[in-house]
Amino acid sequence: MDERVWRAMVTAIMEGHVEALRLGMVMRPTLNAFVDGNLVGYIQLRPVYRGEDAHLGIAKMSDFAAAARADEIMVAWETQDIAGACDLPARHAGSGLNIVWATADQQIL
């Protein structure tokens, strides 16, 4: 992915995260799929129940990347939201935005 695209997407995700928090909400986990550096689409986590359904919903998001034959992905989620959905302990106090870019050979958090 072109660095300008990366920076623009990170900026947009961060701004969306801040606005969602301002409104008392969190962004739904999102996976963006790229082929040869071009965005081919994105998917958001479906509404899930706590526990096993959340685990399954998150895992199923990868089906989209596979179907799109993505060679790189960008995933964003809010730490506390996923911890709560998956019945995991909070890793820290307060909100935390995570953004991951990954290819088959490299990952950046």
Protein backbone atom coordinates (compact mmCIF):
# COMPACT_ATOMS: atom_id res chain seq x y z
CA MET A 1 0.00 0.00 0.00
CA ASP A 2 1.22 3.45 -0.88
CA GLU A 3 2.34 5.42 2.20
CA ARG A 4 -0.04 8.28 1.31
CA VAL A 5 -2.96 5.83 1.28
CA TRP A 6 -1.79 4.37 4.61
CA ARG A 7 -1.58 7.80 6.23
CA ALA A 8 -4.97 8.90 4.85
CA MET A 9 -6.66 5.73 6.09
CA VAL A 10 -5.06 5.92 9.54
CA THR A 11 -6.10 9.57 9.83
CA ALA A 12 -9.68 8.77 8.81
CA ILE A 13 -9.87 5.83 11.24
CA MET A 14 -8.47 7.91 14.09
CA GLU A 15 -10.89 10.77 13.40
CA GLY A 16 -13.80 8.31 13.26
CA HIS A 17 -12.68 6.75 16.53
CA VAL A 18 -12.51 10.13 18.29
CA GLU A 19 -15.93 11.15 16.94
CA ALA A 20 -17.51 7.84 17.95
CA LEU A 21 -16.12 8.21 21.49
CA ARG A 22 -17.43 11.78 21.63
CA LEU A 23 -20.88 10.39 20.86
CA GLY A 24 -20.54 7.65 23.50
CA MET A 25 -19.96 4.83 21.01
CA VAL A 26 -17.07 2.83 19.59
CA MET A 27 -16.31 1.98 15.98
CA ARG A 28 -17.12 -1.54 14.89
CA PRO A 29 -14.05 -3.64 14.07
CA THR A 30 -13.23 -3.20 10.39
CA LEU A 31 -11.10 -5.13 7.90
CA ASN A 32 -9.96 -3.44 4.67
CA ALA A 33 -8.72 -5.70 1.86
CA PHE A 34 -6.14 -4.65 -0.74
CA VAL A 35 -4.91 -6.28 -3.94
CA ASP A 36 -1.75 -4.89 -5.55
CA GLY A 37 -2.01 -1.80 -3.33
CA ASN A 38 -5.61 -1.03 -4.32
CA LEU A 39 -8.49 -1.13 -1.87
CA VAL A 40 -10.98 -3.72 -3.10
CA GLY A 41 -13.42 -3.41 -0.20
CA TYR A 42 -14.00 -3.58 3.49
CA ILE A 43 -16.14 -5.42 6.01
CA GLN A 44 -17.26 -4.58 9.53
CA LEU A 45 -17.89 -7.06 12.32
CA ARG A 46 -21.52 -8.14 12.33
CA PRO A 47 -23.50 -7.64 15.55
CA VAL A 48 -22.33 -10.38 17.91
CA TYR A 49 -23.24 -11.86 21.27
CA ARG A 50 -20.56 -11.99 23.97
CA GLY A 51 -18.28 -14.99 24.08
CA GLU A 52 -18.12 -17.68 21.43
CA ASP A 53 -20.26 -15.77 18.92
CA ALA A 54 -17.87 -12.81 19.10
CA HIS A 55 -14.89 -15.13 18.55
CA LEU A 56 -16.62 -16.68 15.53
CA GLY A 57 -17.67 -13.31 14.08
CA ILE A 58 -14.14 -11.97 14.32
CA ALA A 59 -12.64 -15.10 12.76
CA LYS A 60 -15.20 -15.04 9.93
CA MET A 61 -14.05 -11.55 8.89
CA SER A 62 -10.99 -13.23 7.39
CA ASP A 63 -13.25 -15.03 4.92
CA PHE A 64 -13.79 -11.69 3.18
CA ALA A 65 -10.05 -11.14 2.76
CA ALA A 66 -9.64 -14.66 1.41
CA ALA A 67 -12.56 -14.30 -1.02
CA ALA A 68 -11.12 -11.00 -2.26
CA ARG A 69 -7.71 -12.69 -2.67
CA ALA A 70 -6.23 -9.84 -0.66
CA ASP A 71 -2.46 -9.62 -0.57
CA GLU A 72 -2.58 -7.10 2.28
CA ILE A 73 -5.12 -6.08 4.88
CA MET A 74 -5.69 -3.28 7.33
CA VAL A 75 -7.71 -4.04 10.46
CA ALA A 76 -8.93 -1.56 13.09
CA TRP A 77 -10.66 -2.22 16.42
CA GLU A 78 -11.17 -0.72 19.86
CA THR A 79 -9.36 -2.65 22.60
CA GLN A 80 -11.98 -2.54 25.35
CA ASP A 81 -14.84 -3.31 22.94
CA ILE A 82 -13.23 -6.53 21.73
CA ALA A 83 -12.05 -7.48 25.22
CA GLY A 84 -15.61 -7.15 26.51
CA ALA A 85 -17.12 -9.02 23.55
CA CYS A 86 -14.63 -11.87 23.95
CA ASP A 87 -14.89 -12.02 27.77
CA LEU A 88 -11.24 -11.02 28.15
CA PRO A 89 -9.86 -8.80 30.91
CA ALA A 90 -9.23 -5.16 30.01
CA ARG A 91 -5.58 -4.62 29.08
CA HIS A 92 -5.58 -1.02 30.33
CA ALA A 93 -7.92 1.67 31.58
CA GLY A 94 -9.75 3.71 28.97
CA SER A 95 -10.20 3.37 25.28
CA GLY A 96 -7.52 2.17 22.89
CA LEU A 97 -7.56 2.16 19.11
CA ASN A 98 -5.62 -0.58 17.33
CA ILE A 99 -4.72 -0.51 13.64
CA VAL A 100 -2.84 -3.35 11.97
CA TRP A 101 -1.46 -3.53 8.45
CA ALA A 102 -0.41 -6.99 7.34
CA THR A 103 0.84 -8.95 4.37
CA ALA A 104 1.86 -12.60 4.27
CA ASP A 105 5.41 -11.55 5.26
CA GLN A 106 5.02 -8.46 7.44
CA GLN A 107 2.75 -7.02 10.14
CA ILE A 108 2.72 -3.54 11.69
CA LEU A 109 0.57 -2.62 14.71
